[in-house]
Each structure stands twice: as structure tokens, then as C-alpha cells.
């Protein structure tokens, strides 16, 4: 009797523990998907604002839609946050040999480069007037990820995947941690030096795909994943982190306005020092509350699940949706509502397309090739 009772209690305890582990994994996975959902929403919103606003605000900040500038500035964390999340997940499996490194790179690169080339060629075939089949121009834009503007992210990510094993080995050395975390700020300072002192005209399309401008976000994700003390510290100091994040948001806004009024050019940019710091602390802020939130909005989780597919196709739909919504006079009279309407319409359209492609392709590997798996 006692033996049977012991067995029942043991089995019951094991089942409870297993259920607890599964629940923890589910919450853990849903939080990351929710973070991806936040990031992809920010990407689409940023591009929607850009498509419907030229930000000419020198004459009058309010009349020229300065609110849209603040809204756009608030979502500049999007791409850096994607790099942070990618770095966080780059440490899940050990790499102890060259063959494991080759397997790792082949698996990771195929997941981003096959969809990249598929959709790039789709764009070239569908919108051939963009290039007039200029082979040299096509080759350059394929190399730097500029067939569609957002694709530079994939080229930079490919470089970081190749570097990932090296970066992971550096995390045990304090000096190397400081060195890698300094690469992006130093690169941005050199960009400032060129802009304000040297005056050589650099184009976003040529320096944006370089890993140098993104590696510190990726490395920060690796550090958070491998060093539990960092995550514990972040969770303990979450109030301070969010406060600093808010301060950096306003500092980055002032930085954007200052550079715009002094030198012209783009008003909103990810390639600024304060903006980079704001993005880094925003990522840390979200991770500081990750284990405290047990239920994330389902919509964000779904958007996160669809995020890669949305990222690949949203810029193709954005111009036509923007143009059609611009025909409504009440939207034209309210720029912020117009921009938000574009973002919601693009997210909804892309999500429906991704869902339809998943159903259409079923278990076929084609889902992987087009980036909707």
C-alpha cells in the first residue's frame, strides 16, 4: 500500500514538474515571439511614416507634422532589436569543431539567403522598370541587399552568422567584451567624423549592410544569453533601465533635430549614437520584464511568428497601399492617422499573405525557401 502510494505520488510529482517545464518553455517562446511582433510592427510603422512624410519641419514643427517625427523616432529600435534577438539565439547549440561550424553556418545562412534571393529576383522580374535590366546595377544591389531597401538587414545578418562562433568565444574575456561592445559606437562616431569634418558624401545603402554598425547589438544579445549575471542585474534594475531608455529617446530626438537643422539630410535615422544607445537599452528593458509577464498579447505573438515573412514582403505592398489610402481626404488631412492606417493595412495584408502561403505550401520545403515557415 505504501509502495503504491509512493509510486503514485512520484508519478504525480513528475507530471507536475513536466507540465511546469512545458509551461515555462511556452511562456519563454511566446515572449520572444511577442518581442519579434513588437519589432516587426515598429519596422512597418517606421517605413509607413517615411512613405507618407518628408519631414520638412524647419518652418513650423507642429504644422509640418513634428508628431510624426517623434513617432518615427520612437520605433528606431526595430532593426537593432532584431539583431539583439538573433545574437541571443546564436548560442543555443555549442560549436566545437570546424564541421559543426560549417553545419551551423549552412543551416543559418540558408534560412535567410534563400528567401532573400527568391524575393529579390521576384522584385526584379515583377518591377523590372526599377533597373531596366542593368546587370551591373542589379549585381551591386544584390550584393549589398538593396534590391528592396530593408534587405540590407539580411546581408548584415549573414556576416554576423559567419562571425557568431568567434563572438561566442570572446564572451569569457572582459577586454574582448568591451572591445566588441565598442565597435558600433566607434563606427557611428567615425560616420559623424566623416559627415561633419571630412564631408565625404556616404550613402546609407553602402554602409548600412556592414556588420560593424550592428555587431554590438548582436554581441549584447550573446552576452545576455550566456551571462546570467547580466540578465539578473537587468531584472533588478529594470526601473532605472526604462528611465534611462526614456531619457535616451529624448536625447536621440534632440540629436536628430540638431543634425537635421545643422546639416540637413535625414531627420530620423538608426545610424546615430544616441539612437543606438536608446535601442540597446530598449532591448534590455524588454528582457528585464520577460520572466515577469506570464501572458503576452496573442496578436503580438502571431505577428512575431510571421515576422520574417512580413519583413520580406511588406516593402512591396507599402507603395500601393499608401497611394490608395491617400485618396481618402479625411486621412490626407490627418497625417498621423494616415501613417497609422498605412501601417495597420500593411501588417494585416502581409499577415494574410503569410498565412495563405503557409496553408498553400503545407509541409513543403517551399515554405522555407520563401521565408514563411
Protein backbone atom coordinates (compact mmCIF):
# COMPACT_ATOMS: atom_id res chain seq x y z
CA UNK A 1 0.00 0.00 0.00
CA UNK A 2 2.76 2.41 0.95
CA UNK A 3 4.76 1.36 -2.12
CA UNK A 4 1.84 2.05 -4.47
CA UNK A 5 1.14 5.37 -2.80
CA UNK A 6 4.81 6.31 -3.21
CA UNK A 7 4.67 5.43 -6.90
CA UNK A 8 1.51 7.44 -7.43
CA UNK A 9 2.98 10.44 -5.62
CA UNK A 10 6.21 10.15 -7.57
CA UNK A 11 4.41 9.92 -10.92
CA UNK A 12 2.13 12.77 -9.97
CA UNK A 13 5.09 14.94 -8.95
CA UNK A 14 6.90 14.11 -12.21
CA UNK A 15 3.83 15.04 -14.24
CA UNK A 16 3.52 18.35 -12.40
CA UNK A 17 7.22 19.11 -12.97
CA UNK A 18 6.94 18.20 -16.66
CA UNK A 19 3.89 20.40 -17.03
CA UNK A 20 5.72 23.23 -15.27
CA UNK A 21 8.69 22.89 -17.64
CA UNK A 22 6.44 22.85 -20.70
CA UNK A 23 4.55 25.89 -19.42
CA UNK A 24 7.81 27.74 -18.80
CA UNK A 25 9.02 26.92 -22.32
CA UNK A 26 5.71 28.04 -23.78
CA UNK A 27 5.86 31.35 -21.89
CA UNK A 28 9.51 31.73 -22.84
CA UNK A 29 8.85 31.12 -26.53
CA UNK A 30 5.78 33.35 -26.61
CA UNK A 31 7.74 36.23 -25.07
CA UNK A 32 10.36 36.08 -27.82
CA UNK A 33 7.65 35.89 -30.46
CA UNK A 34 5.93 38.87 -28.84
CA UNK A 35 9.24 40.78 -28.96
CA UNK A 36 9.55 39.94 -32.65
CA UNK A 37 5.98 41.13 -33.06
CA UNK A 38 6.88 44.45 -31.44
CA UNK A 39 9.95 44.77 -33.66
CA UNK A 40 8.18 44.00 -36.95
CA UNK A 41 5.36 46.39 -36.05
CA UNK A 42 7.99 49.07 -35.44
CA UNK A 43 9.66 48.31 -38.80
CA UNK A 44 6.40 48.63 -40.73
CA UNK A 45 5.34 51.74 -38.82
CA UNK A 46 8.70 53.39 -39.46
CA UNK A 47 8.50 52.68 -43.20
CA UNK A 48 4.84 53.74 -43.31
CA UNK A 49 5.66 57.09 -41.72
CA UNK A 50 8.57 57.54 -44.10
CA UNK A 51 6.40 56.79 -47.14
CA UNK A 52 3.84 59.44 -46.13
CA UNK A 53 6.02 62.20 -44.68
CA UNK A 54 9.07 64.08 -45.94
CA UNK A 55 9.71 65.70 -42.53
CA UNK A 56 10.20 69.26 -43.75
CA UNK A 57 9.76 70.87 -40.34
CA UNK A 58 12.20 73.78 -40.39
CA UNK A 59 9.39 76.29 -40.90
CA UNK A 60 6.96 75.05 -38.25
CA UNK A 61 7.39 71.92 -36.17
CA UNK A 62 3.71 71.35 -35.37
CA UNK A 63 2.24 72.29 -38.75
CA UNK A 64 4.80 70.17 -40.57
CA UNK A 65 3.86 67.09 -38.56
CA UNK A 66 6.50 67.05 -35.84
CA UNK A 67 4.38 64.46 -34.01
CA UNK A 68 5.16 62.02 -36.79
CA UNK A 69 8.85 62.68 -36.24
CA UNK A 70 8.56 61.71 -32.57
CA UNK A 71 6.55 58.63 -33.54
CA UNK A 72 9.17 57.62 -36.10
CA UNK A 73 11.96 58.28 -33.62
CA UNK A 74 10.27 56.01 -31.07
CA UNK A 75 10.46 52.97 -33.38
CA UNK A 76 14.10 53.28 -34.44
CA UNK A 77 14.93 50.39 -32.11
CA UNK A 78 13.36 47.87 -34.51
CA UNK A 79 16.29 46.63 -36.60
CA UNK A 80 18.84 46.78 -33.74
CA UNK A 81 16.38 44.76 -31.64
CA UNK A 82 16.16 42.09 -34.33
CA UNK A 83 19.97 41.83 -34.26
CA UNK A 84 19.86 41.61 -30.45
CA UNK A 85 17.35 38.73 -30.56
CA UNK A 86 19.39 36.93 -33.25
CA UNK A 87 22.51 37.21 -31.11
CA UNK A 88 20.58 35.89 -28.12
CA UNK A 89 19.61 32.74 -30.06
CA UNK A 90 23.02 32.21 -31.67
CA UNK A 91 24.28 30.45 -28.52
CA UNK A 92 21.71 27.68 -28.21
CA UNK A 93 23.94 24.94 -29.65
CA UNK A 94 27.68 24.51 -28.98
CA UNK A 95 30.18 24.61 -31.84
CA UNK A 96 33.30 22.61 -31.03
CA UNK A 97 34.67 21.67 -34.44
CA UNK A 98 35.04 23.00 -37.94
CA UNK A 99 32.42 20.56 -39.25
CA UNK A 100 29.95 21.84 -36.65
CA UNK A 101 30.77 25.39 -37.71
CA UNK A 102 30.08 24.55 -41.36
CA UNK A 103 26.80 22.87 -40.41
CA UNK A 104 25.79 25.85 -38.27
CA UNK A 105 26.57 28.40 -40.98
CA UNK A 106 24.94 26.39 -43.73
CA UNK A 107 21.75 25.95 -41.70
CA UNK A 108 21.54 29.58 -40.56
CA UNK A 109 22.54 31.14 -43.89
CA UNK A 110 20.13 29.02 -45.90
CA UNK A 111 17.24 30.24 -43.75
CA UNK A 112 17.87 33.87 -44.67
CA UNK A 113 19.73 33.87 -48.01
CA UNK A 114 17.43 31.53 -49.95
CA UNK A 115 14.35 33.70 -49.19
CA UNK A 116 16.49 36.79 -49.80
CA UNK A 117 17.42 35.73 -53.33
CA UNK A 118 13.94 34.39 -54.06
CA UNK A 119 12.21 37.68 -53.21
CA UNK A 120 14.98 39.79 -54.73
CA UNK A 121 14.57 38.06 -58.08
CA UNK A 122 10.81 38.26 -57.70
CA UNK A 123 11.11 42.03 -57.33
CA UNK A 124 13.50 42.26 -60.30
CA UNK A 125 11.13 40.29 -62.51
CA UNK A 126 7.96 41.99 -61.32
CA UNK A 127 9.31 45.53 -61.15
CA UNK A 128 11.96 45.33 -63.87
CA UNK A 129 11.48 49.02 -64.72
CA UNK A 130 13.31 49.81 -61.47
CA UNK A 131 16.59 48.73 -63.04
CA UNK A 132 15.92 48.41 -66.76
CA UNK A 133 17.91 45.17 -66.55
CA UNK A 134 21.14 46.99 -65.89
CA UNK A 135 23.24 43.96 -64.92
CA UNK A 136 25.92 45.94 -63.12
CA UNK A 137 23.38 47.82 -61.01
CA UNK A 138 21.47 44.61 -60.26
CA UNK A 139 24.68 42.83 -59.19
CA UNK A 140 25.70 45.66 -56.85
CA UNK A 141 22.24 45.87 -55.27
CA UNK A 142 22.08 42.10 -54.80
CA UNK A 143 25.48 42.18 -53.10
CA UNK A 144 24.55 44.94 -50.63
CA UNK A 145 20.91 43.90 -50.11
CA UNK A 146 19.36 46.89 -51.78
CA UNK A 147 17.00 45.39 -54.36
CA UNK A 148 14.46 46.23 -51.67
CA UNK A 149 15.70 48.74 -49.09
CA UNK A 150 15.03 46.63 -45.95
CA UNK A 151 17.03 43.69 -47.31
CA UNK A 152 20.34 45.20 -46.16
CA UNK A 153 19.44 43.63 -42.80
CA UNK A 154 19.82 40.15 -44.29
CA UNK A 155 23.27 40.88 -45.74
CA UNK A 156 24.49 42.23 -42.40
CA UNK A 157 22.94 39.23 -40.62
CA UNK A 158 24.80 36.83 -42.93
CA UNK A 159 28.09 38.43 -41.90
CA UNK A 160 27.21 38.12 -38.21
CA UNK A 161 26.27 34.45 -38.62
CA UNK A 162 29.75 33.79 -40.01
CA UNK A 163 31.25 35.62 -37.03
CA UNK A 164 28.97 34.07 -34.39
CA UNK A 165 31.30 31.27 -33.17
CA UNK A 166 34.15 33.76 -32.76
CA UNK A 167 31.91 36.18 -30.90
CA UNK A 168 30.70 33.44 -28.59
CA UNK A 169 34.27 32.54 -27.62
CA UNK A 170 35.01 36.16 -26.72
CA UNK A 171 32.36 36.42 -24.02
CA UNK A 172 34.63 34.99 -21.29
CA UNK A 173 37.13 37.86 -21.65
CA UNK A 174 36.23 41.25 -20.18
CA UNK A 175 38.52 43.18 -22.51
CA UNK A 176 37.03 41.49 -25.58
CA UNK A 177 33.52 42.20 -24.29
CA UNK A 178 34.36 45.88 -24.07
CA UNK A 179 36.02 45.79 -27.48
CA UNK A 180 33.05 44.22 -29.29
CA UNK A 181 30.54 46.42 -27.49
CA UNK A 182 32.57 49.44 -28.65
CA UNK A 183 32.62 48.56 -32.35
CA UNK A 184 29.20 50.01 -33.21
CA UNK A 185 29.60 53.26 -31.21
CA UNK A 186 33.07 53.79 -32.71
CA UNK A 187 31.73 53.13 -36.22
CA UNK A 188 28.97 55.68 -35.66
CA UNK A 189 31.48 58.23 -34.34
CA UNK A 190 33.58 57.72 -37.49
CA UNK A 191 30.43 58.25 -39.53
CA UNK A 192 29.89 61.53 -37.66
CA UNK A 193 33.52 62.49 -38.25
CA UNK A 194 33.07 61.92 -41.96
CA UNK A 195 29.79 63.86 -42.08
CA UNK A 196 30.83 66.90 -40.05
CA UNK A 197 34.59 67.14 -40.63
CA UNK A 198 35.60 65.37 -43.82
CA UNK A 199 32.36 65.99 -45.68
CA UNK A 200 32.62 62.98 -48.00
CA UNK A 201 29.08 62.00 -49.13
CA UNK A 202 28.40 58.48 -47.87
CA UNK A 203 25.18 56.76 -48.89
CA UNK A 204 23.15 54.70 -46.46
CA UNK A 205 22.91 51.84 -48.95
CA UNK A 206 26.67 51.27 -48.87
CA UNK A 207 27.49 51.39 -45.16
CA UNK A 208 24.22 50.02 -43.70
CA UNK A 209 24.94 46.39 -44.76
CA UNK A 210 28.31 46.38 -42.95
CA UNK A 211 28.27 44.29 -39.79
CA UNK A 212 30.34 46.96 -38.00
CA UNK A 213 27.24 49.10 -37.45
CA UNK A 214 25.23 46.24 -35.91
CA UNK A 215 27.67 43.86 -34.23
CA UNK A 216 27.40 45.43 -30.76
CA UNK A 217 23.63 44.76 -30.68
CA UNK A 218 24.24 41.17 -31.77
CA UNK A 219 27.02 40.75 -29.22
CA UNK A 220 24.85 42.22 -26.45
CA UNK A 221 22.28 39.53 -27.22
CA UNK A 222 25.02 36.89 -26.90
CA UNK A 223 26.12 38.35 -23.56
CA UNK A 224 22.58 38.32 -22.16
CA UNK A 225 22.17 34.71 -23.32
CA UNK A 226 25.48 33.41 -21.92
CA UNK A 227 25.93 35.52 -18.78
CA UNK A 228 23.08 35.03 -16.33
CA UNK A 229 24.53 37.71 -14.04
CA UNK A 230 23.79 40.33 -16.70
CA UNK A 231 20.19 39.20 -17.01
CA UNK A 232 19.81 39.13 -13.22
CA UNK A 233 21.24 42.63 -12.94
CA UNK A 234 18.95 43.90 -15.70
CA UNK A 235 15.90 42.41 -13.97
CA UNK A 236 16.88 44.04 -10.67
CA UNK A 237 17.45 47.46 -12.28
CA UNK A 238 14.51 47.49 -14.69
CA UNK A 239 13.12 50.80 -13.35
CA UNK A 240 16.46 52.50 -13.93
CA UNK A 241 16.82 50.90 -17.37
CA UNK A 242 13.40 52.11 -18.54
CA UNK A 243 14.10 55.56 -17.10
CA UNK A 244 17.41 55.71 -18.95
CA UNK A 245 15.69 54.44 -22.07
CA UNK A 246 13.19 57.31 -21.87
CA UNK A 247 15.99 59.83 -21.37
CA UNK A 248 17.89 58.40 -24.37
CA UNK A 249 14.77 58.62 -26.52
CA UNK A 250 14.55 62.37 -25.94
CA UNK A 251 18.32 62.69 -26.34
CA UNK A 252 18.13 60.87 -29.68
CA UNK A 253 15.26 63.13 -30.77
CA UNK A 254 17.32 66.22 -29.96
CA UNK A 255 20.27 64.66 -31.75
CA UNK A 256 18.12 64.06 -34.84
CA UNK A 257 16.75 67.59 -34.83
CA UNK A 258 20.22 69.05 -34.27
CA UNK A 259 21.86 67.21 -37.15
CA UNK A 260 18.86 67.96 -39.38
CA UNK A 261 18.94 71.70 -38.77
CA UNK A 262 22.74 71.91 -38.94
CA UNK A 263 23.50 69.71 -41.93
CA UNK A 264 20.20 68.67 -43.48
CA UNK A 265 19.75 65.09 -44.62
CA UNK A 266 17.53 62.55 -42.94
CA UNK A 267 15.73 63.60 -39.79
CA UNK A 268 15.16 60.07 -38.47
CA UNK A 269 17.96 57.52 -38.63
CA UNK A 270 19.12 54.38 -36.83
CA UNK A 271 22.70 55.40 -37.60
CA UNK A 272 23.13 57.87 -34.74
CA UNK A 273 24.90 57.44 -31.42
CA UNK A 274 22.04 58.35 -29.07
CA UNK A 275 19.62 56.31 -31.16
CA UNK A 276 21.92 53.28 -30.88
CA UNK A 277 22.08 53.65 -27.10
CA UNK A 278 18.30 54.07 -26.94
CA UNK A 279 17.88 50.86 -28.97
CA UNK A 280 20.27 48.88 -26.75
CA UNK A 281 18.56 49.92 -23.52
CA UNK A 282 15.13 49.34 -25.04
CA UNK A 283 16.16 45.72 -25.75
CA UNK A 284 17.49 45.31 -22.21
CA UNK A 285 14.30 46.84 -20.83
CA UNK A 286 12.07 44.34 -22.58
CA UNK A 287 14.25 41.43 -21.45
CA UNK A 288 14.14 42.77 -17.88
CA UNK A 289 10.39 42.09 -17.72
CA UNK A 290 10.39 38.95 -19.83
CA UNK A 291 10.09 36.48 -16.95
CA UNK A 292 7.61 38.62 -15.04
CA UNK A 293 5.00 38.70 -17.81
CA UNK A 294 3.20 35.36 -18.00
CA UNK A 295 0.82 36.20 -20.84
CA UNK A 296 1.67 38.20 -23.94
CA UNK A 297 -0.94 39.62 -26.34
CA UNK A 298 -1.83 36.95 -28.87
CA UNK A 299 -1.72 39.45 -31.74
CA UNK A 300 1.91 40.28 -30.98
CA UNK A 301 2.80 36.59 -30.77
CA UNK A 302 1.19 35.94 -34.19
CA UNK A 303 2.97 38.94 -35.74
CA UNK A 304 6.21 37.64 -34.26
CA UNK A 305 5.59 34.22 -35.77
CA UNK A 306 5.00 35.86 -39.16
CA UNK A 307 7.72 38.50 -38.73
CA UNK A 308 10.28 37.18 -41.22
CA UNK A 309 7.69 36.81 -43.97
CA UNK A 310 6.29 40.26 -43.20
CA UNK A 311 9.80 41.75 -43.31
CA UNK A 312 10.43 40.20 -46.73
CA UNK A 313 7.24 41.36 -48.46
CA UNK A 314 5.99 44.49 -46.69
CA UNK A 315 8.01 46.98 -48.76
CA UNK A 316 6.43 45.61 -51.95
CA UNK A 317 2.90 46.29 -50.71
CA UNK A 318 3.59 49.59 -48.98
CA UNK A 319 3.63 51.93 -52.04
CA UNK A 320 0.30 50.75 -53.46
CA UNK A 321 -1.43 50.73 -50.05
CA UNK A 322 -0.04 54.17 -49.29
CA UNK A 323 -1.29 55.51 -52.62
CA UNK A 324 -4.78 54.04 -52.23
CA UNK A 325 -5.25 55.30 -48.68
CA UNK A 326 -4.04 58.72 -49.79
CA UNK A 327 -7.17 59.04 -51.90
CA UNK A 328 -9.28 59.40 -48.74
CA UNK A 329 -9.49 63.11 -47.96
CA UNK A 330 -10.04 62.67 -44.20
CA UNK A 331 -6.76 60.73 -43.99
CA UNK A 332 -4.92 63.31 -46.07
CA UNK A 333 -5.98 65.98 -43.58
CA UNK A 334 -4.62 63.99 -40.63
CA UNK A 335 -1.06 62.82 -41.39
CA UNK A 336 -0.62 60.77 -38.20
CA UNK A 337 -3.89 58.89 -38.78
CA UNK A 338 -2.86 58.39 -42.41
CA UNK A 339 0.51 56.89 -41.41
CA UNK A 340 -1.04 54.64 -38.78
CA UNK A 341 -3.65 53.47 -41.30
CA UNK A 342 -0.90 52.54 -43.74
CA UNK A 343 0.96 50.56 -41.06
CA UNK A 344 -2.15 48.66 -39.93
CA UNK A 345 -3.16 47.90 -43.54
CA UNK A 346 0.32 46.68 -44.48
CA UNK A 347 0.61 44.48 -41.37
CA UNK A 348 -2.83 42.99 -41.98
CA UNK A 349 -2.21 42.38 -45.70
CA UNK A 350 1.21 40.82 -45.10
CA UNK A 351 -0.09 38.62 -42.29
CA UNK A 352 -2.89 37.32 -44.51
CA UNK A 353 -0.44 36.61 -47.31
CA UNK A 354 1.95 34.76 -45.00
CA UNK A 355 -0.93 32.72 -43.53
CA UNK A 356 -2.20 31.86 -47.03
CA UNK A 357 1.27 30.78 -48.19
CA UNK A 358 1.65 28.58 -45.13
CA UNK A 359 -1.66 26.88 -45.88
CA UNK A 360 -0.89 26.61 -49.59
CA UNK A 361 2.56 25.07 -49.17
CA UNK A 362 1.65 22.88 -46.19
CA UNK A 363 4.67 20.82 -45.12
CA UNK A 364 6.54 21.53 -48.33
CA UNK A 365 10.12 22.88 -48.02
CA UNK A 366 8.96 25.73 -50.26
CA UNK A 367 7.84 27.47 -47.06
CA UNK A 368 11.45 27.67 -46.01
CA UNK A 369 12.57 28.92 -49.41
CA UNK A 370 10.13 31.85 -49.34
CA UNK A 371 10.66 32.63 -45.65
CA UNK A 372 7.18 31.88 -44.27
CA UNK A 373 7.90 28.75 -42.23
